[in-house]
Amino acid sequence: MRNLRALRVRFWVETGLAVTTALLALLTVVAPTWIEAVFGLDPDRGNGEVEWALVAVLVLVATTLTVLARGSRAQLASAT
């Protein structure tokens, strides 16, 4: 029973983080200057390299978390 609860929590954490990182990636594609507005930094001096690198990393993280969440969901389905 305790393992089932931990698995449920893990699934929801992975899912929540996957959605959050995907939304941040989408936000960065649509409005890439949000980084400068929020943090007050312009590390690439306006050429957009940092923003595109951030999109790539966020998509990779979101994809990884989605795969992990699917695995947790499959474990939950087999446990119940």
PDB file of N, CA and C in Angstrom:
ATOM      1  N   MET A   1       0.831  -1.196   0.000  1.00  0.00           N
ATOM      2  CA  MET A   1       0.000   0.000   0.000  1.00  0.00           C
ATOM      3  C   MET A   1       0.873   1.256   0.000  1.00  0.00           C
ATOM      4  N   ARG A   2       1.927   1.247   0.815  1.00  0.00           N
ATOM      5  CA  ARG A   2       2.813   2.405   0.890  1.00  0.00           C
ATOM      6  C   ARG A   2       3.541   2.632  -0.438  1.00  0.00           C
ATOM      7  N   ASN A   3       3.967   1.537  -1.071  1.00  0.00           N
ATOM      8  CA  ASN A   3       4.647   1.650  -2.363  1.00  0.00           C
ATOM      9  C   ASN A   3       3.706   2.201  -3.434  1.00  0.00           C
ATOM     10  N   LEU A   4       2.448   1.821  -3.355  1.00  0.00           N
ATOM     11  CA  LEU A   4       1.464   2.315  -4.311  1.00  0.00           C
ATOM     12  C   LEU A   4       1.283   3.821  -4.175  1.00  0.00           C
ATOM     13  N   ARG A   5       1.241   4.305  -2.941  1.00  0.00           N
ATOM     14  CA  ARG A   5       1.120   5.752  -2.702  1.00  0.00           C
ATOM     15  C   ARG A   5       2.355   6.488  -3.216  1.00  0.00           C
ATOM     16  N   ALA A   6       3.535   5.943  -2.955  1.00  0.00           N
ATOM     17  CA  ALA A   6       4.773   6.565  -3.432  1.00  0.00           C
ATOM     18  C   ALA A   6       4.814   6.592  -4.955  1.00  0.00           C
ATOM     19  N   LEU A   7       4.340   5.536  -5.573  1.00  0.00           N
ATOM     20  CA  LEU A   7       4.307   5.473  -7.029  1.00  0.00           C
ATOM     21  C   LEU A   7       3.341   6.497  -7.605  1.00  0.00           C
ATOM     22  N   ARG A   8       2.193   6.666  -6.940  1.00  0.00           N
ATOM     23  CA  ARG A   8       1.224   7.677  -7.370  1.00  0.00           C
ATOM     24  C   ARG A   8       1.819   9.080  -7.270  1.00  0.00           C
ATOM     25  N   VAL A   9       2.486   9.354  -6.157  1.00  0.00           N
ATOM     26  CA  VAL A   9       3.109  10.664  -5.964  1.00  0.00           C
ATOM     27  C   VAL A   9       4.184  10.887  -7.027  1.00  0.00           C
ATOM     28  N   ARG A  10       4.999   9.867  -7.273  1.00  0.00           N
ATOM     29  CA  ARG A  10       6.056   9.985  -8.289  1.00  0.00           C
ATOM     30  C   ARG A  10       5.462  10.283  -9.663  1.00  0.00           C
ATOM     31  N   PHE A  11       4.373   9.594 -10.012  1.00  0.00           N
ATOM     32  CA  PHE A  11       3.713   9.827 -11.293  1.00  0.00           C
ATOM     33  C   PHE A  11       3.261  11.279 -11.415  1.00  0.00           C
ATOM     34  N   TRP A  12       2.601  11.810 -10.377  1.00  0.00           N
ATOM     35  CA  TRP A  12       2.085  13.175 -10.454  1.00  0.00           C
ATOM     36  C   TRP A  12       3.203  14.208 -10.448  1.00  0.00           C
ATOM     37  N   VAL A  13       4.282  13.952  -9.738  1.00  0.00           N
ATOM     38  CA  VAL A  13       5.421  14.879  -9.753  1.00  0.00           C
ATOM     39  C   VAL A  13       6.052  14.898 -11.138  1.00  0.00           C
ATOM     40  N   GLU A  14       6.277  13.714 -11.706  1.00  0.00           N
ATOM     41  CA  GLU A  14       6.854  13.642 -13.053  1.00  0.00           C
ATOM     42  C   GLU A  14       5.949  14.315 -14.078  1.00  0.00           C
ATOM     43  N   THR A  15       4.661  14.088 -13.982  1.00  0.00           N
ATOM     44  CA  THR A  15       3.713  14.694 -14.911  1.00  0.00           C
ATOM     45  C   THR A  15       3.690  16.212 -14.760  1.00  0.00           C
ATOM     46  N   GLY A  16       3.633  16.684 -13.532  1.00  0.00           N
ATOM     47  CA  GLY A  16       3.621  18.130 -13.292  1.00  0.00           C
ATOM     48  C   GLY A  16       4.873  18.820 -13.800  1.00  0.00           C
ATOM     49  N   LEU A  17       6.017  18.206 -13.549  1.00  0.00           N
ATOM     50  CA  LEU A  17       7.272  18.790 -14.029  1.00  0.00           C
ATOM     51  C   LEU A  17       7.370  18.741 -15.555  1.00  0.00           C
ATOM     52  N   ALA A  18       6.860  17.675 -16.154  1.00  0.00           N
ATOM     53  CA  ALA A  18       6.865  17.578 -17.625  1.00  0.00           C
ATOM     54  C   ALA A  18       6.011  18.677 -18.239  1.00  0.00           C
ATOM     55  N   VAL A  19       4.832  18.901 -17.687  1.00  0.00           N
ATOM     56  CA  VAL A  19       3.950  19.959 -18.194  1.00  0.00           C
ATOM     57  C   VAL A  19       4.594  21.328 -17.998  1.00  0.00           C
ATOM     58  N   THR A  20       5.179  21.551 -16.828  1.00  0.00           N
ATOM     59  CA  THR A  20       5.814  22.839 -16.545  1.00  0.00           C
ATOM     60  C   THR A  20       6.969  23.118 -17.504  1.00  0.00           C
ATOM     61  N   THR A  21       7.832  22.142 -17.722  1.00  0.00           N
ATOM     62  CA  THR A  21       8.962  22.372 -18.622  1.00  0.00           C
ATOM     63  C   THR A  21       8.496  22.540 -20.067  1.00  0.00           C
ATOM     64  N   ALA A  22       7.452  21.812 -20.467  1.00  0.00           N
ATOM     65  CA  ALA A  22       6.926  21.982 -21.822  1.00  0.00           C
ATOM     66  C   ALA A  22       6.334  23.378 -22.006  1.00  0.00           C
ATOM     67  N   LEU A  23       5.623  23.856 -20.992  1.00  0.00           N
ATOM     68  CA  LEU A  23       5.068  25.211 -21.073  1.00  0.00           C
ATOM     69  C   LEU A  23       6.166  26.270 -21.118  1.00  0.00           C
ATOM     70  N   LEU A  24       7.226  26.073 -20.353  1.00  0.00           N
ATOM     71  CA  LEU A  24       8.353  27.019 -20.403  1.00  0.00           C
ATOM     72  C   LEU A  24       9.026  27.003 -21.773  1.00  0.00           C
ATOM     73  N   ALA A  25       9.134  25.837 -22.378  1.00  0.00           N
ATOM     74  CA  ALA A  25       9.702  25.750 -23.726  1.00  0.00           C
ATOM     75  C   ALA A  25       8.820  26.494 -24.719  1.00  0.00           C
ATOM     76  N   LEU A  26       7.516  26.289 -24.620  1.00  0.00           N
ATOM     77  CA  LEU A  26       6.582  26.987 -25.500  1.00  0.00           C
ATOM     78  C   LEU A  26       6.639  28.496 -25.286  1.00  0.00           C
ATOM     79  N   LEU A  27       6.688  28.917 -24.040  1.00  0.00           N
ATOM     80  CA  LEU A  27       6.803  30.344 -23.731  1.00  0.00           C
ATOM     81  C   LEU A  27       8.071  30.934 -24.333  1.00  0.00           C
ATOM     82  N   THR A  28       9.161  30.194 -24.267  1.00  0.00           N
ATOM     83  CA  THR A  28      10.428  30.679 -24.804  1.00  0.00           C
ATOM     84  C   THR A  28      10.383  30.786 -26.321  1.00  0.00           C
ATOM     85  N   VAL A  29       9.662  29.888 -26.976  1.00  0.00           N
ATOM     86  CA  VAL A  29       9.517  29.976 -28.439  1.00  0.00           C
ATOM     87  C   VAL A  29       8.665  31.183 -28.813  1.00  0.00           C
ATOM     88  N   VAL A  30       7.565  31.380 -28.089  1.00  0.00           N
ATOM     89  CA  VAL A  30       6.621  32.453 -28.417  1.00  0.00           C
ATOM     90  C   VAL A  30       7.154  33.822 -28.014  1.00  0.00           C
ATOM     91  N   ALA A  31       7.730  33.927 -26.831  1.00  0.00           N
ATOM     92  CA  ALA A  31       8.224  35.209 -26.316  1.00  0.00           C
ATOM     93  C   ALA A  31       9.622  35.020 -25.733  1.00  0.00           C
ATOM     94  N   PRO A  32      10.631  34.931 -26.588  1.00  0.00           N
ATOM     95  CA  PRO A  32      11.980  34.617 -26.106  1.00  0.00           C
ATOM     96  C   PRO A  32      12.592  35.670 -25.179  1.00  0.00           C
ATOM     97  N   THR A  33      12.070  36.854 -25.179  1.00  0.00           N
ATOM     98  CA  THR A  33      12.662  37.897 -24.340  1.00  0.00           C
ATOM     99  C   THR A  33      12.185  37.840 -22.889  1.00  0.00           C
ATOM    100  N   TRP A  34      11.369  36.841 -22.542  1.00  0.00           N
ATOM    101  CA  TRP A  34      10.904  36.750 -21.153  1.00  0.00           C
ATOM    102  C   TRP A  34      12.079  36.537 -20.208  1.00  0.00           C
ATOM    103  N   ILE A  35      13.109  35.894 -20.685  1.00  0.00           N
ATOM    104  CA  ILE A  35      14.276  35.631 -19.835  1.00  0.00           C
ATOM    105  C   ILE A  35      14.933  36.957 -19.436  1.00  0.00           C
ATOM    106  N   GLU A  36      15.123  37.827 -20.413  1.00  0.00           N
ATOM    107  CA  GLU A  36      15.709  39.131 -20.114  1.00  0.00           C
ATOM    108  C   GLU A  36      14.805  39.949 -19.203  1.00  0.00           C
ATOM    109  N   ALA A  37      13.491  39.867 -19.440  1.00  0.00           N
ATOM    110  CA  ALA A  37      12.546  40.639 -18.635  1.00  0.00           C
ATOM    111  C   ALA A  37      12.515  40.159 -17.188  1.00  0.00           C
ATOM    112  N   VAL A  38      12.540  38.860 -16.980  1.00  0.00           N
ATOM    113  CA  VAL A  38      12.445  38.314 -15.627  1.00  0.00           C
ATOM    114  C   VAL A  38      13.755  38.457 -14.868  1.00  0.00           C
ATOM    115  N   PHE A  39      14.856  38.116 -15.503  1.00  0.00           N
ATOM    116  CA  PHE A  39      16.145  38.082 -14.807  1.00  0.00           C
ATOM    117  C   PHE A  39      16.995  39.333 -15.010  1.00  0.00           C
ATOM    118  N   GLY A  40      16.633  40.163 -15.975  1.00  0.00           N
ATOM    119  CA  GLY A  40      17.392  41.380 -16.221  1.00  0.00           C
ATOM    120  C   GLY A  40      18.767  41.121 -16.809  1.00  0.00           C
ATOM    121  N   LEU A  41      18.946  39.977 -17.433  1.00  0.00           N
ATOM    122  CA  LEU A  41      20.224  39.606 -18.038  1.00  0.00           C
ATOM    123  C   LEU A  41      20.058  39.414 -19.530  1.00  0.00           C
ATOM    124  N   ASP A  42      21.102  39.690 -20.277  1.00  0.00           N
ATOM    125  CA  ASP A  42      21.108  39.437 -21.711  1.00  0.00           C
ATOM    126  C   ASP A  42      22.434  38.763 -22.053  1.00  0.00           C
ATOM    127  N   PRO A  43      22.575  37.479 -21.714  1.00  0.00           N
ATOM    128  CA  PRO A  43      23.868  36.808 -21.869  1.00  0.00           C
ATOM    129  C   PRO A  43      24.327  36.638 -23.315  1.00  0.00           C
ATOM    130  N   ASP A  44      23.415  36.625 -24.268  1.00  0.00           N
ATOM    131  CA  ASP A  44      23.807  36.436 -25.662  1.00  0.00           C
ATOM    132  C   ASP A  44      23.762  37.734 -26.467  1.00  0.00           C
ATOM    133  N   ARG A  45      23.557  38.826 -25.787  1.00  0.00           N
ATOM    134  CA  ARG A  45      23.526  40.165 -26.402  1.00  0.00           C
ATOM    135  C   ARG A  45      22.529  40.266 -27.556  1.00  0.00           C
ATOM    136  N   GLY A  46      21.371  39.626 -27.355  1.00  0.00           N
ATOM    137  CA  GLY A  46      20.281  39.803 -28.309  1.00  0.00           C
ATOM    138  C   GLY A  46      20.254  38.901 -29.517  1.00  0.00           C
ATOM    139  N   ASN A  47      21.175  37.945 -29.649  1.00  0.00           N
ATOM    140  CA  ASN A  47      21.150  37.126 -30.860  1.00  0.00           C
ATOM    141  C   ASN A  47      20.293  35.867 -30.726  1.00  0.00           C
ATOM    142  N   GLY A  48      19.807  35.545 -29.544  1.00  0.00           N
ATOM    143  CA  GLY A  48      18.866  34.453 -29.364  1.00  0.00           C
ATOM    144  C   GLY A  48      19.454  33.070 -29.152  1.00  0.00           C
ATOM    145  N   GLU A  49      20.761  32.940 -29.099  1.00  0.00           N
ATOM    146  CA  GLU A  49      21.377  31.622 -28.912  1.00  0.00           C
ATOM    147  C   GLU A  49      20.987  30.979 -27.588  1.00  0.00           C
ATOM    148  N   VAL A  50      20.993  31.757 -26.535  1.00  0.00           N
ATOM    149  CA  VAL A  50      20.656  31.217 -25.217  1.00  0.00           C
ATOM    150  C   VAL A  50      19.208  30.741 -25.198  1.00  0.00           C
ATOM    151  N   GLU A  51      18.326  31.504 -25.816  1.00  0.00           N
ATOM    152  CA  GLU A  51      16.922  31.123 -25.832  1.00  0.00           C
ATOM    153  C   GLU A  51      16.712  29.796 -26.564  1.00  0.00           C
ATOM    154  N   TRP A  52      17.361  29.618 -27.710  1.00  0.00           N
ATOM    155  CA  TRP A  52      17.201  28.375 -28.458  1.00  0.00           C
ATOM    156  C   TRP A  52      17.852  27.204 -27.739  1.00  0.00           C
ATOM    157  N   ALA A  53      18.961  27.444 -27.071  1.00  0.00           N
ATOM    158  CA  ALA A  53      19.572  26.381 -26.266  1.00  0.00           C
ATOM    159  C   ALA A  53      18.650  25.994 -25.114  1.00  0.00           C
ATOM    160  N   LEU A  54      18.019  26.989 -24.505  1.00  0.00           N
ATOM    161  CA  LEU A  54      17.084  26.728 -23.413  1.00  0.00           C
ATOM    162  C   LEU A  54      15.881  25.927 -23.913  1.00  0.00           C
ATOM    163  N   VAL A  55      15.373  26.261 -25.092  1.00  0.00           N
ATOM    164  CA  VAL A  55      14.253  25.505 -25.667  1.00  0.00           C
ATOM    165  C   VAL A  55      14.663  24.050 -25.861  1.00  0.00           C
ATOM    166  N   ALA A  56      15.849  23.817 -26.396  1.00  0.00           N
ATOM    167  CA  ALA A  56      16.317  22.443 -26.624  1.00  0.00           C
ATOM    168  C   ALA A  56      16.419  21.667 -25.316  1.00  0.00           C
ATOM    169  N   VAL A  57      16.981  22.297 -24.305  1.00  0.00           N
ATOM    170  CA  VAL A  57      17.121  21.632 -23.002  1.00  0.00           C
ATOM    171  C   VAL A  57      15.754  21.363 -22.382  1.00  0.00           C
ATOM    172  N   LEU A  58      14.861  22.333 -22.441  1.00  0.00           N
ATOM    173  CA  LEU A  58      13.529  22.159 -21.862  1.00  0.00           C
ATOM    174  C   LEU A  58      12.742  21.064 -22.571  1.00  0.00           C
ATOM    175  N   VAL A  59      12.853  20.990 -23.883  1.00  0.00           N
ATOM    176  CA  VAL A  59      12.157  19.930 -24.633  1.00  0.00           C
ATOM    177  C   VAL A  59      12.739  18.565 -24.268  1.00  0.00           C
ATOM    178  N   LEU A  60      14.050  18.482 -24.128  1.00  0.00           N
ATOM    179  CA  LEU A  60      14.683  17.228 -23.731  1.00  0.00           C
ATOM    180  C   LEU A  60      14.226  16.792 -22.333  1.00  0.00           C
ATOM    181  N   VAL A  61      14.190  17.742 -21.401  1.00  0.00           N
ATOM    182  CA  VAL A  61      13.748  17.434 -20.038  1.00  0.00           C
ATOM    183  C   VAL A  61      12.270  17.035 -20.024  1.00  0.00           C
ATOM    184  N   ALA A  62      11.436  17.772 -20.750  1.00  0.00           N
ATOM    185  CA  ALA A  62      10.005  17.449 -20.800  1.00  0.00           C
ATOM    186  C   ALA A  62       9.774  16.062 -21.398  1.00  0.00           C
ATOM    187  N   THR A  63      10.510  15.729 -22.431  1.00  0.00           N
ATOM    188  CA  THR A  63      10.377  14.414 -23.052  1.00  0.00           C
ATOM    189  C   THR A  63      10.807  13.309 -22.096  1.00  0.00           C
ATOM    190  N   THR A  64      11.920  13.510 -21.410  1.00  0.00           N
ATOM    191  CA  THR A  64      12.406  12.528 -20.450  1.00  0.00           C
ATOM    192  C   THR A  64      11.400  12.324 -19.318  1.00  0.00           C
ATOM    193  N   LEU A  65      10.871  13.419 -18.790  1.00  0.00           N
ATOM    194  CA  LEU A  65       9.895  13.321 -17.712  1.00  0.00           C
ATOM    195  C   LEU A  65       8.599  12.649 -18.177  1.00  0.00           C
ATOM    196  N   THR A  66       8.218  12.892 -19.410  1.00  0.00           N
ATOM    197  CA  THR A  66       7.024  12.247 -19.955  1.00  0.00           C
ATOM    198  C   THR A  66       7.223  10.737 -20.045  1.00  0.00           C
ATOM    199  N   VAL A  67       8.381  10.322 -20.501  1.00  0.00           N
ATOM    200  CA  VAL A  67       8.680   8.888 -20.580  1.00  0.00           C
ATOM    201  C   VAL A  67       8.691   8.264 -19.183  1.00  0.00           C
ATOM    202  N   LEU A  68       9.286   8.954 -18.228  1.00  0.00           N
ATOM    203  CA  LEU A  68       9.301   8.452 -16.853  1.00  0.00           C
ATOM    204  C   LEU A  68       7.884   8.359 -16.282  1.00  0.00           C
ATOM    205  N   ALA A  69       7.063   9.359 -16.550  1.00  0.00           N
ATOM    206  CA  ALA A  69       5.689   9.352 -16.056  1.00  0.00           C
ATOM    207  C   ALA A  69       4.895   8.210 -16.681  1.00  0.00           C
ATOM    208  N   ARG A  70       5.123   7.943 -17.948  1.00  0.00           N
ATOM    209  CA  ARG A  70       4.428   6.820 -18.593  1.00  0.00           C
ATOM    210  C   ARG A  70       4.829   5.504 -17.959  1.00  0.00           C
ATOM    211  N   GLY A  71       6.112   5.377 -17.612  1.00  0.00           N
ATOM    212  CA  GLY A  71       6.570   4.169 -16.929  1.00  0.00           C
ATOM    213  C   GLY A  71       5.938   4.032 -15.553  1.00  0.00           C
ATOM    214  N   SER A  72       5.842   5.133 -14.822  1.00  0.00           N
ATOM    215  CA  SER A  72       5.200   5.112 -13.510  1.00  0.00           C
ATOM    216  C   SER A  72       3.725   4.755 -13.641  1.00  0.00           C
ATOM    217  N   ARG A  73       3.083   5.283 -14.666  1.00  0.00           N
ATOM    218  CA  ARG A  73       1.668   4.984 -14.887  1.00  0.00           C
ATOM    219  C   ARG A  73       1.467   3.499 -15.200  1.00  0.00           C
ATOM    220  N   ALA A  74       2.375   2.936 -15.993  1.00  0.00           N
ATOM    221  CA  ALA A  74       2.290   1.512 -16.305  1.00  0.00           C
ATOM    222  C   ALA A  74       2.490   0.663 -15.053  1.00  0.00           C
ATOM    223  N   GLN A  75       3.411   1.067 -14.207  1.00  0.00           N
ATOM    224  CA  GLN A  75       3.611   0.359 -12.939  1.00  0.00           C
ATOM    225  C   GLN A  75       2.382   0.454 -12.058  1.00  0.00           C
ATOM    226  N   LEU A  76       1.765   1.625 -12.039  1.00  0.00           N
ATOM    227  CA  LEU A  76       0.537   1.801 -11.254  1.00  0.00           C
ATOM    228  C   LEU A  76      -0.569   0.895 -11.772  1.00  0.00           C
ATOM    229  N   ALA A  77      -0.699   0.825 -13.091  1.00  0.00           N
ATOM    230  CA  ALA A  77      -1.754   0.007 -13.688  1.00  0.00           C
ATOM    231  C   ALA A  77      -1.546  -1.471 -13.375  1.00  0.00           C
ATOM    232  N   SER A  78      -0.305  -1.910 -13.375  1.00  0.00           N
ATOM    233  CA  SER A  78      -0.043  -3.323 -13.097  1.00  0.00           C
ATOM    234  C   SER A  78      -0.152  -3.641 -11.609  1.00  0.00           C
ATOM    235  N   ALA A  79       0.040  -2.626 -10.754  1.00  0.00           N
ATOM    236  CA  ALA A  79      -0.030  -2.837  -9.309  1.00  0.00           C
ATOM    237  C   ALA A  79      -1.462  -2.858  -8.786  1.00  0.00           C
ATOM    238  N   THR A  80      -2.376  -2.260  -9.532  1.00  0.00           N
ATOM    239  CA  THR A  80      -3.762  -2.201  -9.046  1.00  0.00           C
ATOM    240  C   THR A  80      -4.638  -3.245  -9.681  1.00  0.00           C
TER     241      THR A  80
END
